[in-house]
N, C-alpha and C. Protein backbone atom coordinates (compact mmCIF):
# COMPACT_ATOMS: atom_id res chain seq x y z
N MET A 1 27.37 -8.81 -21.44
CA MET A 1 27.56 -9.16 -20.30
C MET A 1 27.05 -11.00 -20.20
N SER A 2 27.55 -11.69 -19.02
CA SER A 2 27.27 -13.13 -18.60
C SER A 2 26.26 -13.06 -18.14
N ILE A 3 25.63 -14.63 -18.35
CA ILE A 3 24.05 -14.56 -17.97
C ILE A 3 23.92 -14.28 -16.39
N ALA A 4 25.24 -14.85 -16.17
CA ALA A 4 25.08 -14.77 -14.16
C ALA A 4 25.51 -13.07 -14.05
N LEU A 5 25.78 -12.48 -14.61
CA LEU A 5 25.88 -10.90 -14.29
C LEU A 5 24.60 -10.43 -14.26
N GLN A 6 24.25 -11.03 -15.59
CA GLN A 6 22.37 -10.11 -16.54
C GLN A 6 21.73 -10.83 -14.69
N SER A 7 21.68 -11.91 -14.52
CA SER A 7 20.82 -12.95 -13.28
C SER A 7 21.34 -11.35 -12.09
N HIS A 8 22.43 -11.18 -11.50
CA HIS A 8 22.58 -10.00 -10.74
C HIS A 8 21.91 -8.96 -10.77
N VAL A 9 22.14 -8.84 -12.01
CA VAL A 9 21.56 -6.99 -12.17
C VAL A 9 20.07 -7.41 -12.44
N ARG A 10 19.44 -8.23 -12.46
CA ARG A 10 17.93 -8.69 -12.59
C ARG A 10 17.37 -8.45 -11.00
N GLU A 11 17.88 -9.08 -10.48
CA GLU A 11 17.82 -8.91 -8.49
C GLU A 11 18.10 -8.45 -8.32
N LEU A 12 19.04 -7.35 -8.50
CA LEU A 12 19.12 -6.11 -7.71
C LEU A 12 17.93 -4.83 -8.62
N VAL A 13 17.82 -5.01 -9.56
CA VAL A 13 16.56 -4.27 -10.41
C VAL A 13 15.15 -4.71 -9.76
N ASN A 14 14.78 -5.69 -9.42
CA ASN A 14 13.56 -6.30 -9.08
C ASN A 14 13.56 -5.96 -7.39
N ALA A 15 14.88 -5.81 -6.44
CA ALA A 15 14.82 -5.49 -5.16
C ALA A 15 14.24 -3.90 -4.92
N VAL A 16 15.19 -3.36 -5.50
CA VAL A 16 15.11 -1.64 -6.09
C VAL A 16 13.13 -1.92 -6.29
N GLU A 17 12.83 -1.99 -7.27
CA GLU A 17 11.37 -2.03 -7.49
C GLU A 17 10.74 -2.13 -6.61
N GLN A 18 10.73 -3.38 -6.11
CA GLN A 18 10.07 -3.84 -4.86
C GLN A 18 10.02 -2.94 -3.54
N ASP A 19 11.75 -2.39 -3.43
CA ASP A 19 11.27 -1.60 -2.10
C ASP A 19 10.62 -0.48 -2.43
N ALA A 20 10.81 0.34 -3.49
CA ALA A 20 10.04 1.21 -4.33
C ALA A 20 8.44 0.86 -4.15
N ALA A 21 8.37 -0.31 -4.47
CA ALA A 21 6.67 -0.62 -4.76
C ALA A 21 6.11 -0.21 -3.14
N LEU A 22 6.96 -0.79 -2.25
CA LEU A 22 6.49 -1.19 -0.80
C LEU A 22 6.60 0.32 -0.24
N ARG A 23 7.06 1.07 -0.63
CA ARG A 23 7.43 2.54 -0.29
C ARG A 23 5.91 3.19 -1.05
N GLU A 24 5.71 2.85 -1.97
CA GLU A 24 4.85 3.91 -2.40
C GLU A 24 3.50 2.95 -1.98
N ALA A 25 3.21 1.96 -1.38
CA ALA A 25 2.05 1.26 -0.81
C ALA A 25 1.92 1.70 0.37
N ALA A 26 3.16 1.80 1.48
CA ALA A 26 3.05 2.76 2.80
C ALA A 26 2.47 3.98 2.67
N ALA A 27 2.30 4.59 1.09
CA ALA A 27 1.98 5.90 1.61
C ALA A 27 0.90 5.82 0.86
N ALA A 28 0.56 4.90 -0.09
CA ALA A 28 -0.67 4.97 0.33
C ALA A 28 -2.03 4.67 1.12
N PHE A 29 -1.17 3.72 1.85
CA PHE A 29 -1.80 3.30 3.28
C PHE A 29 -2.29 4.38 4.02
N GLU A 30 -1.04 5.47 4.23
CA GLU A 30 -1.28 6.69 4.86
C GLU A 30 -1.88 7.33 4.44
N ARG A 31 -2.15 7.80 3.20
CA ARG A 31 -3.09 8.85 2.82
C ARG A 31 -4.32 8.28 2.96
N ASP A 32 -4.45 7.03 2.51
CA ASP A 32 -6.07 6.52 3.13
C ASP A 32 -6.33 6.46 4.36
N MET A 33 -5.65 6.35 5.38
CA MET A 33 -6.18 6.39 6.55
C MET A 33 -5.84 7.84 7.16
N LYS A 34 -5.83 8.53 6.65
CA LYS A 34 -5.50 10.05 7.28
C LYS A 34 -6.57 10.21 8.04
N PRO A 35 -7.82 10.45 7.65
CA PRO A 35 -8.48 10.58 8.23
C PRO A 35 -9.52 10.13 9.68
N VAL A 36 -8.54 9.10 10.07
CA VAL A 36 -8.94 7.92 11.10
C VAL A 36 -7.64 8.43 11.83
N CYS A 37 -6.65 8.45 11.32
CA CYS A 37 -5.45 9.12 12.23
C CYS A 37 -5.87 10.63 12.44
N ASN A 38 -6.30 11.39 12.07
CA ASN A 38 -6.83 12.40 12.68
C ASN A 38 -8.17 12.59 13.50
N ALA A 39 -8.73 12.01 13.40
CA ALA A 39 -9.27 11.78 14.25
C ALA A 39 -9.24 11.09 15.20
N VAL A 40 -8.72 10.19 15.66
CA VAL A 40 -7.89 9.37 16.78
C VAL A 40 -7.18 10.39 17.42
N VAL A 41 -6.53 11.26 16.55
CA VAL A 41 -5.11 12.44 17.12
C VAL A 41 -6.24 13.23 18.18
N GLY A 42 -6.99 13.83 17.65
CA GLY A 42 -7.72 14.93 18.03
C GLY A 42 -8.64 14.34 19.53
N ALA A 43 -9.12 13.21 19.23
CA ALA A 43 -9.84 12.89 20.74
C ALA A 43 -8.84 12.10 21.65
N LEU A 44 -7.63 12.14 21.17
CA LEU A 44 -6.36 11.70 22.08
C LEU A 44 -6.32 13.20 22.87
N LYS A 45 -5.92 14.21 21.92
CA LYS A 45 -5.61 15.23 22.68
C LYS A 45 -7.04 15.90 23.31
N ALA A 46 -7.91 15.77 22.96
CA ALA A 46 -9.33 16.47 24.19
C ALA A 46 -9.13 15.54 25.21
N GLY A 47 -8.50 14.52 25.29
CA GLY A 47 -8.03 13.87 26.77
C GLY A 47 -9.28 13.70 27.38
N ASP A 48 -10.65 13.31 27.01
CA ASP A 48 -11.10 12.90 27.60
C ASP A 48 -12.46 11.68 26.87
N VAL A 49 -12.39 10.85 28.00
CA VAL A 49 -13.92 9.71 27.62
C VAL A 49 -14.89 10.00 26.59
N LYS A 50 -15.52 11.28 26.68
CA LYS A 50 -16.47 11.41 25.66
C LYS A 50 -15.87 11.72 24.22
N ALA A 51 -15.04 12.14 24.08
CA ALA A 51 -14.20 11.76 22.82
C ALA A 51 -13.89 11.07 22.09
N LEU A 52 -13.52 10.02 23.20
CA LEU A 52 -13.39 8.44 22.62
C LEU A 52 -14.46 7.86 21.94
N GLN A 53 -15.05 8.21 23.04
CA GLN A 53 -16.64 7.56 22.67
C GLN A 53 -17.19 7.94 21.13
N GLY A 54 -17.02 9.61 21.01
CA GLY A 54 -17.04 10.20 19.85
C GLY A 54 -16.77 9.20 18.61
N LEU A 55 -15.17 9.23 19.20
CA LEU A 55 -14.84 8.60 17.84
C LEU A 55 -14.94 7.11 17.38
N ARG A 56 -15.49 6.51 18.25
CA ARG A 56 -16.09 5.01 17.96
C ARG A 56 -17.33 5.18 17.40
N ALA A 57 -18.06 5.89 17.52
CA ALA A 57 -19.63 6.44 16.96
C ALA A 57 -19.00 6.87 15.31
N LEU A 58 -18.50 7.67 15.57
CA LEU A 58 -17.66 8.16 14.34
C LEU A 58 -17.05 7.39 13.54
N LEU A 59 -16.19 6.39 13.90
CA LEU A 59 -15.44 5.51 12.74
C LEU A 59 -16.22 4.53 11.52
N PRO A 60 -17.20 4.20 11.79
CA PRO A 60 -17.74 3.57 10.56
C PRO A 60 -18.03 4.60 9.15
N HIS A 61 -18.18 6.02 9.67
CA HIS A 61 -18.19 7.04 8.56
C HIS A 61 -16.49 7.08 8.22
N LEU A 62 -15.86 7.59 8.99
CA LEU A 62 -14.67 7.42 8.34
C LEU A 62 -14.38 6.27 7.17
N LEU A 63 -14.45 5.16 8.16
CA LEU A 63 -14.12 4.23 7.18
C LEU A 63 -14.89 4.35 5.84
N GLU A 64 -15.98 4.83 5.86
CA GLU A 64 -16.86 4.60 4.43
C GLU A 64 -15.91 5.81 3.42
N GLU A 65 -15.69 7.04 4.44
CA GLU A 65 -14.99 7.87 3.74
C GLU A 65 -13.30 7.37 2.98
N VAL A 66 -12.64 6.81 3.44
CA VAL A 66 -11.58 6.07 3.22
C VAL A 66 -12.14 4.89 1.88
N ASN A 67 -13.26 4.18 1.80
CA ASN A 67 -13.57 3.56 0.82
C ASN A 67 -13.91 4.10 -0.30
N GLN A 68 -14.04 5.04 0.18
CA GLN A 68 -14.25 6.41 -1.63
C GLN A 68 -13.57 6.22 -2.24
N SER A 69 -12.08 5.98 -1.86
CA SER A 69 -10.94 6.68 -3.04
C SER A 69 -9.74 5.51 -2.03
N PRO A 70 -10.07 4.42 -2.08
CA PRO A 70 -8.60 3.33 -1.67
C PRO A 70 -7.76 3.33 -2.67
N GLU A 71 -6.66 4.32 -2.36
CA GLU A 71 -5.41 4.50 -2.94
C GLU A 71 -4.84 3.23 -2.89
N LEU A 72 -4.56 2.53 -1.50
CA LEU A 72 -3.91 1.32 -1.44
C LEU A 72 -4.59 -0.24 -2.05
N ALA A 73 -5.83 0.15 -2.19
CA ALA A 73 -6.62 -0.99 -2.80
C ALA A 73 -6.40 -0.92 -4.61
N ASP A 74 -6.24 0.09 -5.01
CA ASP A 74 -5.85 0.62 -6.09
C ASP A 74 -4.89 0.40 -6.85
N LEU A 75 -3.61 0.80 -6.01
CA LEU A 75 -2.28 0.00 -6.33
C LEU A 75 -2.28 -1.54 -6.52
N LEU A 76 -2.70 -1.88 -5.03
CA LEU A 76 -2.63 -3.28 -5.19
C LEU A 76 -3.43 -4.29 -6.63
N ALA A 77 -4.18 -3.87 -6.65
CA ALA A 77 -4.97 -4.34 -8.19
C ALA A 77 -4.12 -3.99 -9.15
N HIS A 78 -3.18 -2.78 -9.54
CA HIS A 78 -2.88 -2.63 -10.01
C HIS A 78 -1.35 -3.51 -10.35
N GLN A 79 -0.70 -3.95 -9.51
CA GLN A 79 0.24 -4.47 -9.10
C GLN A 79 0.40 -5.89 -9.48
N LEU A 80 -1.31 -6.33 -9.29
CA LEU A 80 -1.38 -7.72 -9.25
C LEU A 80 -2.15 -8.00 -10.79
N GLY A 81 -2.44 -7.11 -11.33
CA GLY A 81 -2.34 -6.95 -12.76
C GLY A 81 -1.22 -7.35 -13.53
N LYS A 82 -0.21 -6.32 -13.09
CA LYS A 82 1.25 -6.12 -13.39
C LYS A 82 1.71 -7.75 -13.86
N SER A 83 1.25 -8.35 -12.32
CA SER A 83 2.51 -9.53 -12.07
C SER A 83 1.75 -10.89 -13.05
N LEU A 84 0.18 -10.62 -13.01
CA LEU A 84 -0.01 -11.29 -13.99
C LEU A 84 0.16 -11.44 -15.16
N VAL A 85 -0.05 -10.85 -15.83
CA VAL A 85 0.89 -10.25 -17.42
C VAL A 85 1.93 -10.63 -17.12
N GLN A 86 3.09 -10.19 -16.26
CA GLN A 86 4.06 -10.55 -16.85
C GLN A 86 4.49 -12.49 -16.75
N GLY A 87 3.90 -12.74 -15.68
CA GLY A 87 3.81 -13.87 -15.74
C GLY A 87 3.14 -14.93 -16.78
N LEU A 88 2.16 -14.59 -17.33
CA LEU A 88 1.24 -15.47 -18.69
C LEU A 88 2.47 -14.95 -19.84
N THR A 89 3.13 -13.99 -19.78
CA THR A 89 4.15 -13.63 -20.97
C THR A 89 5.78 -13.94 -20.77
N SER A 90 5.80 -14.46 -19.65
CA SER A 90 7.36 -14.96 -19.73
C SER A 90 7.42 -16.53 -20.05
N LYS A 91 8.48 -16.78 -20.46
CA LYS A 91 8.64 -18.19 -21.23
C LYS A 91 9.00 -19.21 -19.31
N PRO A 92 8.75 -20.57 -19.37
CA PRO A 92 8.89 -21.45 -18.72
C PRO A 92 10.36 -20.92 -18.16
N GLY A 93 11.17 -21.09 -17.45
CA GLY A 93 12.74 -21.13 -16.54
C GLY A 93 13.04 -19.81 -16.73
N ASP A 94 12.17 -18.84 -16.96
CA ASP A 94 12.94 -17.19 -16.99
C ASP A 94 12.89 -17.02 -15.67
N VAL A 95 14.14 -16.29 -15.46
CA VAL A 95 14.68 -15.79 -14.09
C VAL A 95 14.05 -14.67 -13.85
N GLU A 96 13.37 -14.42 -12.84
CA GLU A 96 12.88 -12.96 -12.82
C GLU A 96 13.40 -12.33 -11.56
């Protein structure tokens, strides 16, 4: 395979991996924020000011729940570590 073709194939693979990583990050964020989303939807369905005020009071507790298992933060830490290792082990001038 020619160097130019290898470079194009590598670019395509990187684009697919990046797209998959973005989808995975979005899904992790959605899972992390599910308690907040459920509370907002419940307050809106209730349709009154007291429900929305209750949500405001509940928000700090919901965010504590989110922080107990932050999937997005774990995913980002993993990706950053992977990129760091890749950068440290690649040779100068390598095309990624």
